[in-house]
Amino acid sequence: MRIVCAVDGSEHSQWGIQALEALAGREPEHVVLLHIVDRPTLQAAKNENPVAAKRALAAMEKAGNIVLRDTARSARLALGQAATGPRTTFQTILSHGSASHTIVKTARRLKADLILIGSRGLSDIQGFLLGSVSRRVAAMAPCPLLVVKRPLTNLLNVALAVDDSKASRTAARFLRSCILPESATVTILTSVESPLTDFAARYLSEPQLAELKRPVMERAATLVNTMRDEFMKGGFSVVTQVQMGHVIDTIVKYVETDHAQLLVMGSRDLMKSERLYLGSVSESLLRHAPCSVLIVRGARG
């Protein structure tokens, strides 16, 4: 697996580096450490004071090289602690541009299998690898994206949120083949909306409500059981959860209660006009999930 890991020297981007230890059981073939100098920000200052802007750029590039040197050492240590062999190769890249577009462009050029970034999470909207950056990368990424929201050095409890879509099946395959260690337990979770509005439900008896909800729950159970069988064939420990309720709220509440370390989901590919308004379940879960999130891109529809 080829991994592009964006770093900025913060504690939170260090979480992304540390997460390599959780992925080391699969022995990543190549890890690219990417630091981005935000040159567009300096462009405005250049018009006011070209000399000062040039000095600032040089200082930022020097600092970026130090960040890359230090994170390369940390990455090797993380993989070494997980007893990974020497087959993993490292590459450091100092690039210029906007964070999200440069991350996506680099991943596409290098044909990455995974983009890995650290995030400060919900409470902070400032900084290099935050909020809108991870959201934009999620919308444009040519490959799966892992956003690390807290230290993640192992994967013992993983939640896979699914629906009956090609994107969910793609996410399940990627999780089985590229991410999940043998020691992990995966919960295959689906949440279905009630076929009735709250208003309509007021006029029906409990048996009537149960009869209307039953086929919806049965289809959902068939879905997760089919996916469970695929994981069990690979020797993985699996449990299933089928719940009815608001999809976002149900999944967020479950991963919080279950103390899941990682939430995995599929996301359909978006047209260019849709990307700035992602507004999808995956984007909402990326924003609100209390744990790290892996988004696996799938086909449209």
Protein backbone atom coordinates (compact mmCIF):
# COMPACT_ATOMS: atom_id res chain seq x y z
CA MET A 1 0.00 0.00 0.00
CA ARG A 2 1.22 3.48 -0.93
CA ILE A 3 0.41 6.10 1.73
CA VAL A 4 0.59 9.89 1.44
CA CYS A 5 0.75 11.46 4.91
CA ALA A 6 0.39 15.24 5.18
CA VAL A 7 2.30 16.78 8.08
CA ASP A 8 2.66 20.29 9.51
CA GLY A 9 4.65 19.71 12.70
CA SER A 10 1.65 20.02 15.04
CA GLU A 11 0.70 17.51 17.71
CA HIS A 12 -2.32 16.58 15.64
CA SER A 13 -0.41 15.83 12.48
CA GLN A 14 1.88 13.73 14.67
CA TRP A 15 -1.18 11.59 15.39
CA GLY A 16 -1.26 10.80 11.68
CA ILE A 17 2.36 9.64 11.83
CA GLN A 18 1.67 7.54 14.91
CA ALA A 19 -1.25 5.91 13.12
CA LEU A 20 1.26 4.20 10.83
CA GLU A 21 1.86 1.84 13.74
CA ALA A 22 -1.79 0.74 13.56
CA LEU A 23 -1.36 0.10 9.83
CA ALA A 24 2.04 -1.54 10.06
CA GLY A 25 0.69 -5.08 10.19
CA ARG A 26 -0.06 -4.75 6.48
CA GLU A 27 3.50 -3.56 5.78
CA PRO A 28 2.95 -0.43 3.68
CA GLU A 29 5.26 -0.52 0.71
CA HIS A 30 5.83 3.20 0.42
CA VAL A 31 5.15 6.15 2.74
CA VAL A 32 5.29 9.71 1.40
CA LEU A 33 5.58 12.50 3.96
CA LEU A 34 4.20 15.73 2.52
CA HIS A 35 4.69 19.21 3.96
CA ILE A 36 3.01 22.13 2.23
CA VAL A 37 4.20 25.72 2.31
CA ASP A 38 1.15 27.91 1.91
CA ARG A 39 2.61 30.11 -0.81
CA PRO A 40 -0.70 31.73 -1.83
CA THR A 41 -0.84 33.34 1.62
CA LEU A 42 2.54 34.96 0.99
CA GLN A 43 1.53 36.20 -2.43
CA ALA A 44 -0.48 39.09 -1.01
CA ALA A 45 2.38 40.11 1.27
CA LYS A 46 4.76 39.99 -1.68
CA ASN A 47 2.99 42.93 -3.29
CA GLU A 48 3.43 45.00 -0.12
CA ASN A 49 6.98 44.02 0.79
CA PRO A 50 8.72 41.66 -1.67
CA VAL A 51 11.91 41.39 0.38
CA ALA A 52 10.09 40.46 3.58
CA ALA A 53 7.91 37.97 1.70
CA LYS A 54 10.98 36.30 0.22
CA ARG A 55 12.56 35.98 3.63
CA ALA A 56 9.36 34.57 5.08
CA LEU A 57 9.17 31.99 2.29
CA ALA A 58 12.76 30.92 2.92
CA ALA A 59 12.05 30.59 6.64
CA MET A 60 8.92 28.53 5.98
CA GLU A 61 10.81 26.22 3.62
CA LYS A 62 13.57 25.76 6.19
CA ALA A 63 11.02 24.97 8.89
CA GLY A 64 9.25 22.60 6.52
CA ASN A 65 12.43 20.63 5.89
CA ILE A 66 12.95 20.32 9.64
CA VAL A 67 9.38 19.05 10.03
CA LEU A 68 9.96 16.47 7.30
CA ARG A 69 13.22 15.32 8.86
CA ASP A 70 11.65 14.91 12.29
CA THR A 71 8.49 13.21 11.05
CA ALA A 72 10.51 10.80 8.92
CA ARG A 73 12.30 9.74 12.09
CA SER A 74 8.98 9.38 13.93
CA ALA A 75 7.45 7.39 11.06
CA ARG A 76 10.32 4.93 11.02
CA LEU A 77 10.02 4.57 14.78
CA ALA A 78 6.27 3.95 14.58
CA LEU A 79 6.71 1.23 11.98
CA GLY A 80 9.68 -0.22 13.83
CA GLN A 81 7.70 -0.46 17.07
CA ALA A 82 5.15 -2.52 15.18
CA ALA A 83 7.87 -4.93 13.99
CA THR A 84 7.52 -3.95 10.35
CA GLY A 85 10.29 -5.22 8.12
CA PRO A 86 12.57 -2.98 6.06
CA ARG A 87 10.44 -3.25 2.95
CA THR A 88 8.71 0.07 3.66
CA THR A 89 10.40 2.91 1.82
CA PHE A 90 10.07 6.59 2.69
CA GLN A 91 9.94 9.74 0.60
CA THR A 92 9.73 13.35 1.80
CA ILE A 93 8.19 16.10 -0.31
CA LEU A 94 8.20 19.85 0.35
CA SER A 95 5.53 21.42 -1.83
CA HIS A 96 3.85 24.79 -2.33
CA GLY A 97 0.19 25.67 -2.72
CA SER A 98 -3.12 25.36 -0.92
CA ALA A 99 -3.27 22.45 1.48
CA SER A 100 -6.27 20.50 0.20
CA HIS A 101 -5.51 20.80 -3.52
CA THR A 102 -1.84 19.95 -3.02
CA ILE A 103 -2.65 16.87 -0.95
CA VAL A 104 -5.10 15.63 -3.57
CA LYS A 105 -2.80 16.46 -6.48
CA THR A 106 0.13 14.65 -4.85
CA ALA A 107 -1.95 11.58 -4.05
CA ARG A 108 -3.20 11.43 -7.62
CA ARG A 109 0.26 11.89 -9.13
CA LEU A 110 1.79 9.20 -6.94
CA LYS A 111 -1.19 6.85 -7.37
CA ALA A 112 -1.59 6.62 -3.60
CA ASP A 113 -3.75 3.93 -2.04
CA LEU A 114 -4.43 6.01 1.08
CA ILE A 115 -4.23 9.64 2.23
CA LEU A 116 -3.48 10.04 5.94
CA ILE A 117 -3.93 13.31 7.83
CA GLY A 118 -4.27 14.37 11.45
CA SER A 119 -7.08 16.67 12.55
CA ARG A 120 -7.80 18.74 15.62
CA GLY A 121 -11.43 17.65 15.42
CA LEU A 122 -14.58 19.62 16.10
CA SER A 123 -13.52 22.32 18.55
CA ASP A 124 -10.95 24.09 16.40
CA ILE A 125 -11.59 25.54 12.95
CA GLN A 126 -8.16 27.06 12.49
CA GLY A 127 -4.95 25.55 11.17
CA PHE A 128 -3.41 23.70 8.31
CA LEU A 129 -5.01 20.28 8.51
CA LEU A 130 -8.42 21.17 9.90
CA GLY A 131 -12.11 21.32 9.15
CA SER A 132 -12.46 22.62 5.65
CA VAL A 133 -9.17 21.04 4.55
CA SER A 134 -10.18 17.50 5.51
CA ARG A 135 -13.67 18.17 4.12
CA ARG A 136 -12.27 19.31 0.77
CA VAL A 137 -9.84 16.43 0.63
CA ALA A 138 -12.73 14.06 1.35
CA ALA A 139 -14.66 15.56 -1.55
CA MET A 140 -11.79 15.45 -4.06
CA ALA A 141 -9.55 12.58 -2.96
CA PRO A 142 -8.73 10.01 -5.67
CA CYS A 143 -8.30 7.30 -3.02
CA PRO A 144 -9.43 6.46 0.54
CA LEU A 145 -8.84 9.10 3.22
CA LEU A 146 -8.01 8.40 6.87
CA VAL A 147 -8.54 11.37 9.19
CA VAL A 148 -6.95 10.74 12.60
CA LYS A 149 -8.71 12.67 15.35
CA ARG A 150 -6.91 11.21 18.35
CA PRO A 151 -3.89 8.97 18.98
CA LEU A 152 -4.33 5.71 17.08
CA THR A 153 -1.55 3.18 17.56
CA ASN A 154 -3.63 0.02 17.21
CA LEU A 155 -6.94 -1.12 15.76
CA LEU A 156 -8.89 -3.35 18.10
CA ASN A 157 -12.41 -1.96 17.75
CA VAL A 158 -13.55 -0.83 14.30
CA ALA A 159 -17.04 0.20 13.20
CA LEU A 160 -18.09 -0.15 9.55
CA ALA A 161 -21.17 1.89 8.68
CA VAL A 162 -22.92 0.48 5.61
CA ASP A 163 -25.93 0.81 3.38
CA ASP A 164 -26.99 -1.07 0.27
CA SER A 165 -24.62 0.73 -2.10
CA LYS A 166 -21.58 -0.03 -4.20
CA ALA A 167 -19.61 2.49 -2.13
CA SER A 168 -20.29 0.51 1.07
CA ARG A 169 -19.19 -2.74 -0.55
CA THR A 170 -16.02 -1.04 -1.78
CA ALA A 171 -15.33 0.23 1.74
CA ALA A 172 -15.81 -3.24 3.18
CA ARG A 173 -13.35 -4.76 0.70
CA PHE A 174 -10.76 -2.07 1.35
CA LEU A 175 -11.09 -2.53 5.11
CA ARG A 176 -10.65 -6.31 4.84
CA SER A 177 -7.78 -6.27 2.39
CA CYS A 178 -5.76 -3.21 3.38
CA ILE A 179 -6.50 -2.00 6.91
CA LEU A 180 -7.99 -4.47 9.36
CA PRO A 181 -5.54 -6.54 11.45
CA GLU A 182 -6.40 -10.08 12.49
CA SER A 183 -6.68 -9.00 16.14
CA ALA A 184 -9.45 -6.45 15.47
CA THR A 185 -13.16 -6.83 16.01
CA VAL A 186 -15.30 -5.10 13.41
CA THR A 187 -18.89 -4.06 14.00
CA ILE A 188 -20.93 -3.86 10.82
CA LEU A 189 -23.51 -1.20 11.54
CA THR A 190 -26.46 0.05 9.55
CA SER A 191 -29.06 2.60 10.50
CA VAL A 192 -32.35 2.82 8.61
CA GLU A 193 -34.89 5.59 8.64
CA SER A 194 -38.41 4.78 9.76
CA PRO A 195 -40.83 4.33 6.83
CA LEU A 196 -43.31 6.55 8.71
CA THR A 197 -43.25 10.17 9.77
CA ASP A 198 -43.72 10.93 13.45
CA PHE A 199 -47.06 12.48 12.58
CA ALA A 200 -48.32 9.38 10.79
CA ALA A 201 -47.10 7.11 13.58
CA ARG A 202 -49.42 8.81 16.05
CA TYR A 203 -52.45 7.27 14.35
CA LEU A 204 -51.24 3.68 14.24
CA SER A 205 -51.19 0.99 16.89
CA GLU A 206 -47.99 -0.69 18.06
CA PRO A 207 -48.71 -3.86 16.04
CA GLN A 208 -49.38 -1.78 12.92
CA LEU A 209 -46.13 0.14 13.41
CA ALA A 210 -44.19 -3.08 13.92
CA GLU A 211 -45.66 -4.62 10.78
CA LEU A 212 -44.67 -1.62 8.65
CA LYS A 213 -41.16 -1.44 10.09
CA ARG A 214 -40.50 -5.18 9.89
CA PRO A 215 -39.59 -5.45 6.15
CA VAL A 216 -37.26 -2.46 6.44
CA MET A 217 -35.42 -4.02 9.37
CA GLU A 218 -35.31 -7.42 7.65
CA ARG A 219 -33.67 -5.96 4.53
CA ALA A 220 -31.14 -4.19 6.71
CA ALA A 221 -30.40 -7.40 8.63
CA THR A 222 -29.87 -9.29 5.37
CA LEU A 223 -27.42 -6.61 4.24
CA VAL A 224 -25.23 -6.71 7.35
CA ASN A 225 -25.36 -10.49 7.56
CA THR A 226 -24.13 -10.81 3.98
CA MET A 227 -21.23 -8.49 4.72
CA ARG A 228 -20.56 -10.31 8.00
CA ASP A 229 -20.12 -13.57 6.11
CA GLU A 230 -17.47 -12.00 3.87
CA PHE A 231 -15.44 -10.85 6.89
CA MET A 232 -15.81 -14.20 8.61
CA LYS A 233 -14.44 -15.95 5.53
CA GLY A 234 -11.29 -13.89 6.08
CA GLY A 235 -11.05 -15.02 9.68
CA PHE A 236 -12.11 -11.72 11.23
CA SER A 237 -14.14 -11.32 14.40
CA VAL A 238 -17.46 -9.65 13.50
CA VAL A 239 -20.58 -8.40 15.24
CA THR A 240 -23.59 -6.72 13.63
CA GLN A 241 -25.88 -3.90 14.60
CA VAL A 242 -29.15 -2.92 12.90
CA GLN A 243 -30.89 0.14 14.26
CA MET A 244 -33.73 2.39 13.19
CA GLY A 245 -33.38 6.13 13.58
CA HIS A 246 -31.73 9.20 12.14
CA VAL A 247 -28.66 7.86 10.34
CA ILE A 248 -26.08 10.41 11.50
CA ASP A 249 -27.27 10.55 15.11
CA THR A 250 -27.53 6.76 15.40
CA ILE A 251 -24.04 6.06 14.06
CA VAL A 252 -22.36 8.82 16.07
CA LYS A 253 -24.07 7.66 19.26
CA TYR A 254 -23.08 4.04 18.62
CA VAL A 255 -19.37 4.68 18.00
CA GLU A 256 -19.28 6.93 21.05
CA THR A 257 -20.97 4.38 23.30
CA ASP A 258 -18.94 1.47 21.92
CA HIS A 259 -15.66 3.43 22.14
CA ALA A 260 -14.81 2.58 18.54
CA GLN A 261 -11.31 3.63 17.51
CA LEU A 262 -12.13 3.95 13.84
CA LEU A 263 -15.30 4.55 11.85
CA VAL A 264 -15.19 3.32 8.25
CA MET A 265 -17.67 4.21 5.52
CA GLY A 266 -18.00 4.41 1.78
CA SER A 267 -18.69 7.58 -0.15
CA ARG A 268 -19.94 7.84 -3.69
CA ASP A 269 -17.90 9.81 -6.21
CA LEU A 270 -19.17 13.33 -6.75
CA MET A 271 -19.44 15.44 -9.84
CA LYS A 272 -17.32 18.58 -9.87
CA SER A 273 -20.38 20.75 -9.21
CA GLU A 274 -21.20 18.68 -6.10
CA ARG A 275 -17.81 18.78 -4.46
CA LEU A 276 -18.07 22.16 -2.78
CA TYR A 277 -21.43 21.13 -1.33
CA LEU A 278 -20.58 17.61 -0.22
CA GLY A 279 -23.40 17.53 2.31
CA SER A 280 -23.34 13.75 2.41
CA VAL A 281 -23.60 11.23 5.22
CA SER A 282 -19.84 10.65 5.02
CA GLU A 283 -19.09 14.37 5.34
CA SER A 284 -21.43 14.71 8.32
CA LEU A 285 -19.87 11.69 10.03
CA LEU A 286 -16.39 13.02 9.33
CA ARG A 287 -17.38 16.21 11.10
CA HIS A 288 -19.25 14.73 14.07
CA ALA A 289 -17.76 11.29 14.78
CA PRO A 290 -15.77 11.29 18.04
CA CYS A 291 -13.20 8.83 16.65
CA SER A 292 -10.91 8.67 13.64
CA VAL A 293 -12.67 8.27 10.28
CA LEU A 294 -11.78 6.35 7.13
CA ILE A 295 -13.70 7.38 4.02
CA VAL A 296 -13.43 5.02 1.03
CA ARG A 297 -14.49 6.50 -2.26
CA GLY A 298 -16.79 4.44 -4.46
CA ALA A 299 -18.77 4.77 -7.65
CA ARG A 300 -21.53 7.30 -8.21
CA GLY A 301 -25.05 6.27 -7.36
